[in-house]
């Protein structure tokens, strides 16, 4: 009865020579589904098992939308000043510098123009990783300049919003961006150039109260949080429990604030169809 006896020795690799699996190879969705990052990228960063849309930034959206990921970035070296000499746990310039080093971004929005399925388009996309995608003076100015480019070149404008709202370190300067971008969008409308606003998870605060909701078409990704104040703030203010799914893109669509919801995997095709209809 030697069948249970080991004929060969077990693993002999010394502990110090054992290789750990590299970080970042797998992604786990909130529902517990696990997917390899390579497959996730090939699937437009949407988990096929539960349709969860992973939060992504301008780099990924540009890869998805621009043909062959070819584009010309606008105002890429614009950075925030410190008009209020703001200090909280650290001086504002230090926070900006550290965030730039961490994210390899200059600020919370990037704008670029290029081709999407052969059509000319200008896209401004927010990055939540940069101080919560907060809207400061640079964000407002870059969006305004991107709109100006669309007006000048008669090129459709796509705004991809992902933000926690206005940037408190710039106070009134942040709030002024709401008026600036809204005024520019009015000029875009007068020039009869199409504007599509894509709301992603999350789109809140002054961004929702300005350019994010001013599109000729307001569209969103599935399951995105969309609103002005967050659910916790509203609950504490009104003292009532909120409806199920409150402020999800599906809830907002049902209440008439969106035109439709689009799966990210069909985003490029849907946008192309929409722009061809608007020609």
Protein backbone atom coordinates (compact mmCIF):
# COMPACT_ATOMS: atom_id res chain seq x y z
CA UNK A 1 0.00 0.00 0.00
CA UNK A 2 2.57 2.53 -1.13
CA UNK A 3 0.14 4.50 -3.34
CA UNK A 4 -0.06 7.30 -0.77
CA UNK A 5 3.70 7.67 -0.46
CA UNK A 6 5.37 10.59 -2.24
CA UNK A 7 7.72 9.24 -4.89
CA UNK A 8 9.30 12.62 -5.69
CA UNK A 9 10.33 15.35 -3.32
CA UNK A 10 8.08 18.36 -2.96
CA UNK A 11 8.79 21.95 -3.96
CA UNK A 12 12.44 22.70 -3.27
CA UNK A 13 12.57 26.42 -4.23
CA UNK A 14 13.99 28.45 -1.32
CA UNK A 15 11.55 31.03 0.07
CA UNK A 16 13.77 33.96 -0.91
CA UNK A 17 13.70 32.80 -4.56
CA UNK A 18 9.93 32.35 -4.81
CA UNK A 19 8.22 34.77 -7.16
CA UNK A 20 5.06 36.57 -6.13
CA UNK A 21 2.36 37.35 -8.68
CA UNK A 22 2.78 40.98 -9.83
CA UNK A 23 0.30 43.53 -8.50
CA UNK A 24 -2.33 44.84 -10.89
CA UNK A 25 -2.84 41.65 -12.92
CA UNK A 26 -6.41 41.11 -11.74
CA UNK A 27 -9.39 43.35 -11.00
CA UNK A 28 -12.15 42.52 -8.52
CA UNK A 29 -15.52 44.21 -9.05
CA UNK A 30 -17.77 45.29 -6.14
CA UNK A 31 -19.90 42.16 -6.67
CA UNK A 32 -16.83 39.94 -6.26
CA UNK A 33 -16.23 39.01 -9.91
CA UNK A 34 -12.56 38.71 -10.83
CA UNK A 35 -11.19 39.50 -14.27
CA UNK A 36 -7.69 39.67 -15.74
CA UNK A 37 -6.63 43.23 -16.50
CA UNK A 38 -5.76 42.34 -20.10
CA UNK A 39 -9.28 41.03 -20.71
CA UNK A 40 -10.75 44.03 -18.89
CA UNK A 41 -8.86 46.44 -21.14
CA UNK A 42 -9.95 44.57 -24.26
CA UNK A 43 -13.54 44.87 -23.00
CA UNK A 44 -13.39 48.69 -22.66
CA UNK A 45 -12.89 48.31 -18.89
CA UNK A 46 -16.30 46.69 -18.42
CA UNK A 47 -16.54 43.43 -16.46
CA UNK A 48 -18.36 40.93 -18.73
CA UNK A 49 -19.67 38.89 -15.80
CA UNK A 50 -21.65 41.66 -14.09
CA UNK A 51 -21.49 44.59 -16.57
CA UNK A 52 -19.67 46.72 -13.97
CA UNK A 53 -18.12 49.83 -15.55
CA UNK A 54 -14.73 50.37 -13.93
CA UNK A 55 -13.77 53.99 -13.27
CA UNK A 56 -11.27 55.08 -15.89
CA UNK A 57 -9.59 58.36 -16.81
CA UNK A 58 -8.74 60.42 -19.87
CA UNK A 59 -5.95 58.06 -20.99
CA UNK A 60 -8.38 55.14 -21.28
CA UNK A 61 -11.23 57.16 -22.81
CA UNK A 62 -8.91 58.59 -25.45
CA UNK A 63 -7.74 55.03 -26.25
CA UNK A 64 -11.35 53.92 -26.64
CA UNK A 65 -12.62 56.87 -28.68
CA UNK A 66 -9.83 58.26 -30.86
CA UNK A 67 -8.97 56.21 -33.96
CA UNK A 68 -5.70 54.31 -33.32
CA UNK A 69 -5.32 56.42 -30.14
CA UNK A 70 -4.06 59.31 -32.29
CA UNK A 71 -4.93 62.82 -31.11
CA UNK A 72 -3.50 66.28 -30.58
CA UNK A 73 -3.73 67.47 -26.99
CA UNK A 74 -4.72 71.07 -26.26
CA UNK A 75 -3.19 73.27 -23.54
CA UNK A 76 -1.42 70.29 -22.02
CA UNK A 77 1.01 72.32 -19.89
CA UNK A 78 -1.55 74.54 -18.16
CA UNK A 79 -1.27 74.30 -14.34
CA UNK A 80 -3.08 75.81 -11.37
CA UNK A 81 -1.86 78.89 -9.55
CA UNK A 82 -2.52 79.66 -5.89
CA UNK A 83 -4.67 82.82 -6.00
CA UNK A 84 -5.90 82.47 -2.41
CA UNK A 85 -2.67 81.14 -0.86
CA UNK A 86 -4.81 78.32 0.48
CA UNK A 87 -3.51 76.00 3.21
CA UNK A 88 -5.32 73.08 4.82
CA UNK A 89 -3.29 70.03 5.86
CA UNK A 90 -0.68 71.24 3.38
CA UNK A 91 -0.20 74.30 1.12
CA UNK A 92 -2.19 74.15 -2.12
CA UNK A 93 0.92 74.28 -4.39
CA UNK A 94 2.37 71.29 -2.53
CA UNK A 95 -0.86 69.35 -2.97
CA UNK A 96 -0.91 70.14 -6.68
CA UNK A 97 2.73 69.09 -7.11
CA UNK A 98 2.28 65.80 -5.22
CA UNK A 99 -0.86 64.97 -7.18
CA UNK A 100 0.89 65.72 -10.46
CA UNK A 101 3.73 63.36 -9.51
CA UNK A 102 1.31 60.63 -8.43
CA UNK A 103 -1.07 60.81 -11.41
CA UNK A 104 1.30 62.09 -14.12
CA UNK A 105 -1.42 64.62 -14.96
CA UNK A 106 -1.22 68.42 -14.96
CA UNK A 107 -4.77 68.91 -13.68
CA UNK A 108 -8.20 67.29 -13.52
CA UNK A 109 -9.07 67.58 -17.23
CA UNK A 110 -7.39 66.86 -20.55
CA UNK A 111 -8.64 68.10 -23.90
CA UNK A 112 -7.71 66.92 -27.39
CA UNK A 113 -8.91 66.76 -30.97
CA UNK A 114 -8.66 63.94 -33.48
CA UNK A 115 -10.73 61.44 -35.47
CA UNK A 116 -13.45 59.13 -34.16
CA UNK A 117 -14.46 56.56 -36.78
CA UNK A 118 -13.21 59.05 -39.34
CA UNK A 119 -15.19 62.00 -37.95
CA UNK A 120 -13.46 65.09 -36.55
CA UNK A 121 -14.15 65.60 -32.85
CA UNK A 122 -12.86 67.56 -29.87
CA UNK A 123 -13.01 65.81 -26.49
CA UNK A 124 -12.49 67.12 -22.96
CA UNK A 125 -12.25 64.39 -20.33
CA UNK A 126 -12.01 64.74 -16.56
CA UNK A 127 -9.76 62.62 -14.32
CA UNK A 128 -11.16 61.72 -10.88
CA UNK A 129 -7.68 60.74 -9.69
CA UNK A 130 -6.62 64.39 -9.67
CA UNK A 131 -8.03 65.80 -6.39
CA UNK A 132 -11.35 64.03 -6.95
CA UNK A 133 -11.74 65.47 -10.45
CA UNK A 134 -12.45 68.82 -8.81
CA UNK A 135 -13.24 71.80 -11.00
CA UNK A 136 -10.74 74.62 -10.53
CA UNK A 137 -9.68 77.51 -12.73
CA UNK A 138 -7.52 75.31 -14.97
CA UNK A 139 -10.38 72.87 -15.56
CA UNK A 140 -12.74 75.69 -16.52
CA UNK A 141 -10.18 77.41 -18.73
CA UNK A 142 -9.19 74.22 -20.58
CA UNK A 143 -12.82 73.31 -21.22
CA UNK A 144 -13.55 76.87 -22.41
CA UNK A 145 -10.59 76.73 -24.79
CA UNK A 146 -11.64 73.30 -26.09
CA UNK A 147 -15.11 74.70 -26.80
CA UNK A 148 -13.48 77.68 -28.53
CA UNK A 149 -11.55 75.21 -30.73
CA UNK A 150 -14.81 73.44 -31.63
CA UNK A 151 -16.43 76.76 -32.55
CA UNK A 152 -13.47 77.85 -34.67
CA UNK A 153 -13.08 74.54 -36.50
CA UNK A 154 -16.82 73.64 -36.57
CA UNK A 155 -15.97 70.35 -34.87
CA UNK A 156 -18.43 68.54 -32.53
CA UNK A 157 -17.56 68.77 -28.84
CA UNK A 158 -17.75 65.86 -26.37
CA UNK A 159 -17.44 66.50 -22.63
CA UNK A 160 -16.76 63.49 -20.40
CA UNK A 161 -17.50 64.47 -16.80
CA UNK A 162 -16.24 62.68 -13.70
CA UNK A 163 -16.01 64.96 -10.69
CA UNK A 164 -16.71 65.53 -7.03
CA UNK A 165 -17.57 69.17 -7.76
CA UNK A 166 -15.85 72.55 -7.43
CA UNK A 167 -12.35 72.72 -5.93
CA UNK A 168 -12.53 74.25 -2.46
CA UNK A 169 -8.89 75.41 -2.55
CA UNK A 170 -9.88 77.97 -5.18
CA UNK A 171 -13.26 78.90 -3.66
CA UNK A 172 -14.94 81.63 -5.73
CA UNK A 173 -12.51 81.10 -8.61
CA UNK A 174 -13.88 77.55 -8.94
CA UNK A 175 -17.49 78.69 -8.93
CA UNK A 176 -16.74 81.24 -11.65
CA UNK A 177 -15.92 78.32 -13.98
CA UNK A 178 -19.60 77.36 -13.99
CA UNK A 179 -20.53 80.68 -15.60
CA UNK A 180 -17.51 80.69 -17.93
CA UNK A 181 -18.12 77.23 -19.37
CA UNK A 182 -21.89 77.78 -19.61
CA UNK A 183 -21.33 81.03 -21.55
CA UNK A 184 -18.94 79.25 -23.92
CA UNK A 185 -21.48 76.49 -24.49
CA UNK A 186 -24.07 79.13 -25.36
CA UNK A 187 -21.69 80.39 -28.05
CA UNK A 188 -21.22 76.79 -29.25
CA UNK A 189 -25.00 76.47 -29.57
CA UNK A 190 -25.24 79.76 -31.48
CA UNK A 191 -22.59 78.45 -33.88
CA UNK A 192 -24.78 75.34 -34.36
CA UNK A 193 -21.96 72.99 -33.42
CA UNK A 194 -23.11 69.76 -31.69
CA UNK A 195 -22.34 69.23 -28.01
CA UNK A 196 -22.67 65.83 -26.35
CA UNK A 197 -22.24 65.51 -22.59
CA UNK A 198 -21.28 62.11 -21.18
CA UNK A 199 -21.78 61.76 -17.43
CA UNK A 200 -19.73 59.03 -15.76
CA UNK A 201 -19.30 57.82 -12.18
CA UNK A 202 -19.42 60.15 -10.27
CA UNK A 203 -20.68 63.45 -11.68
CA UNK A 204 -21.69 65.78 -8.86
CA UNK A 205 -21.63 69.33 -7.51
CA UNK A 206 -20.93 72.39 -9.65
CA UNK A 207 -20.03 70.22 -12.65
CA UNK A 208 -23.57 68.78 -12.70
CA UNK A 209 -24.95 72.27 -12.15
CA UNK A 210 -23.15 73.62 -15.22
CA UNK A 211 -21.65 72.06 -18.33
CA UNK A 212 -22.47 68.42 -17.57
CA UNK A 213 -26.22 68.98 -17.97
CA UNK A 214 -26.12 71.45 -20.89
CA UNK A 215 -25.54 69.05 -23.77
CA UNK A 216 -27.62 68.83 -26.92
CA UNK A 217 -27.64 65.23 -25.74
CA UNK A 218 -26.99 64.30 -22.11
CA UNK A 219 -25.97 60.65 -21.90
CA UNK A 220 -24.48 58.50 -19.14
CA UNK A 221 -22.82 55.19 -18.41
CA UNK A 222 -24.76 52.48 -16.54
CA UNK A 223 -24.75 52.75 -12.75
CA UNK A 224 -23.07 56.16 -12.63
CA UNK A 225 -23.69 58.38 -9.59
CA UNK A 226 -25.19 61.64 -10.87
CA UNK A 227 -26.42 64.49 -8.70
CA UNK A 228 -25.62 67.78 -7.04
CA UNK A 229 -25.09 66.94 -3.38
CA UNK A 230 -24.17 63.40 -2.32
CA UNK A 231 -26.83 60.97 -1.00
CA UNK A 232 -25.54 61.22 2.59
CA UNK A 233 -25.78 65.03 2.60
CA UNK A 234 -29.31 64.95 1.17
CA UNK A 235 -30.43 62.28 3.64
CA UNK A 236 -29.12 64.26 6.58
CA UNK A 237 -30.65 67.49 5.25
CA UNK A 238 -34.19 66.23 4.63
CA UNK A 239 -34.15 63.62 7.40
CA UNK A 240 -35.65 60.89 5.19
CA UNK A 241 -34.46 57.70 3.57
CA UNK A 242 -33.86 58.05 -0.15
CA UNK A 243 -35.50 55.92 -2.86
CA UNK A 244 -33.67 52.80 -3.99
CA UNK A 245 -31.09 53.59 -6.65
CA UNK A 246 -31.40 57.31 -5.96
CA UNK A 247 -29.00 59.37 -8.12
CA UNK A 248 -27.99 56.40 -10.26
CA UNK A 249 -27.97 57.11 -13.99
CA UNK A 250 -30.98 54.79 -14.37
CA UNK A 251 -32.94 56.80 -11.74
CA UNK A 252 -31.93 60.10 -13.37
CA UNK A 253 -32.97 58.77 -16.80
CA UNK A 254 -36.39 57.74 -15.47
CA UNK A 255 -36.89 61.27 -14.14
CA UNK A 256 -36.12 62.97 -17.44
CA UNK A 257 -32.63 64.38 -16.90
CA UNK A 258 -30.87 62.10 -19.42
CA UNK A 259 -31.54 61.22 -23.02
CA UNK A 260 -30.17 57.69 -22.83
CA UNK A 261 -27.66 55.40 -21.13
CA UNK A 262 -24.88 53.85 -23.19
CA UNK A 263 -22.70 50.84 -22.48
CA UNK A 264 -19.04 51.87 -22.76
CA UNK A 265 -18.40 49.01 -25.19
CA UNK A 266 -20.84 50.61 -27.66
CA UNK A 267 -19.86 54.21 -26.83
CA UNK A 268 -17.76 54.93 -29.91
CA UNK A 269 -20.35 53.45 -32.27
CA UNK A 270 -23.28 55.25 -30.60
CA UNK A 271 -21.47 58.60 -30.61
CA UNK A 272 -20.59 58.20 -34.28
CA UNK A 273 -24.20 57.41 -35.17
CA UNK A 274 -25.43 60.37 -33.15
CA UNK A 275 -23.03 62.81 -34.78
CA UNK A 276 -23.91 61.57 -38.26
CA UNK A 277 -27.57 62.20 -37.44
CA UNK A 278 -26.75 65.75 -36.34
CA UNK A 279 -24.85 66.62 -39.53
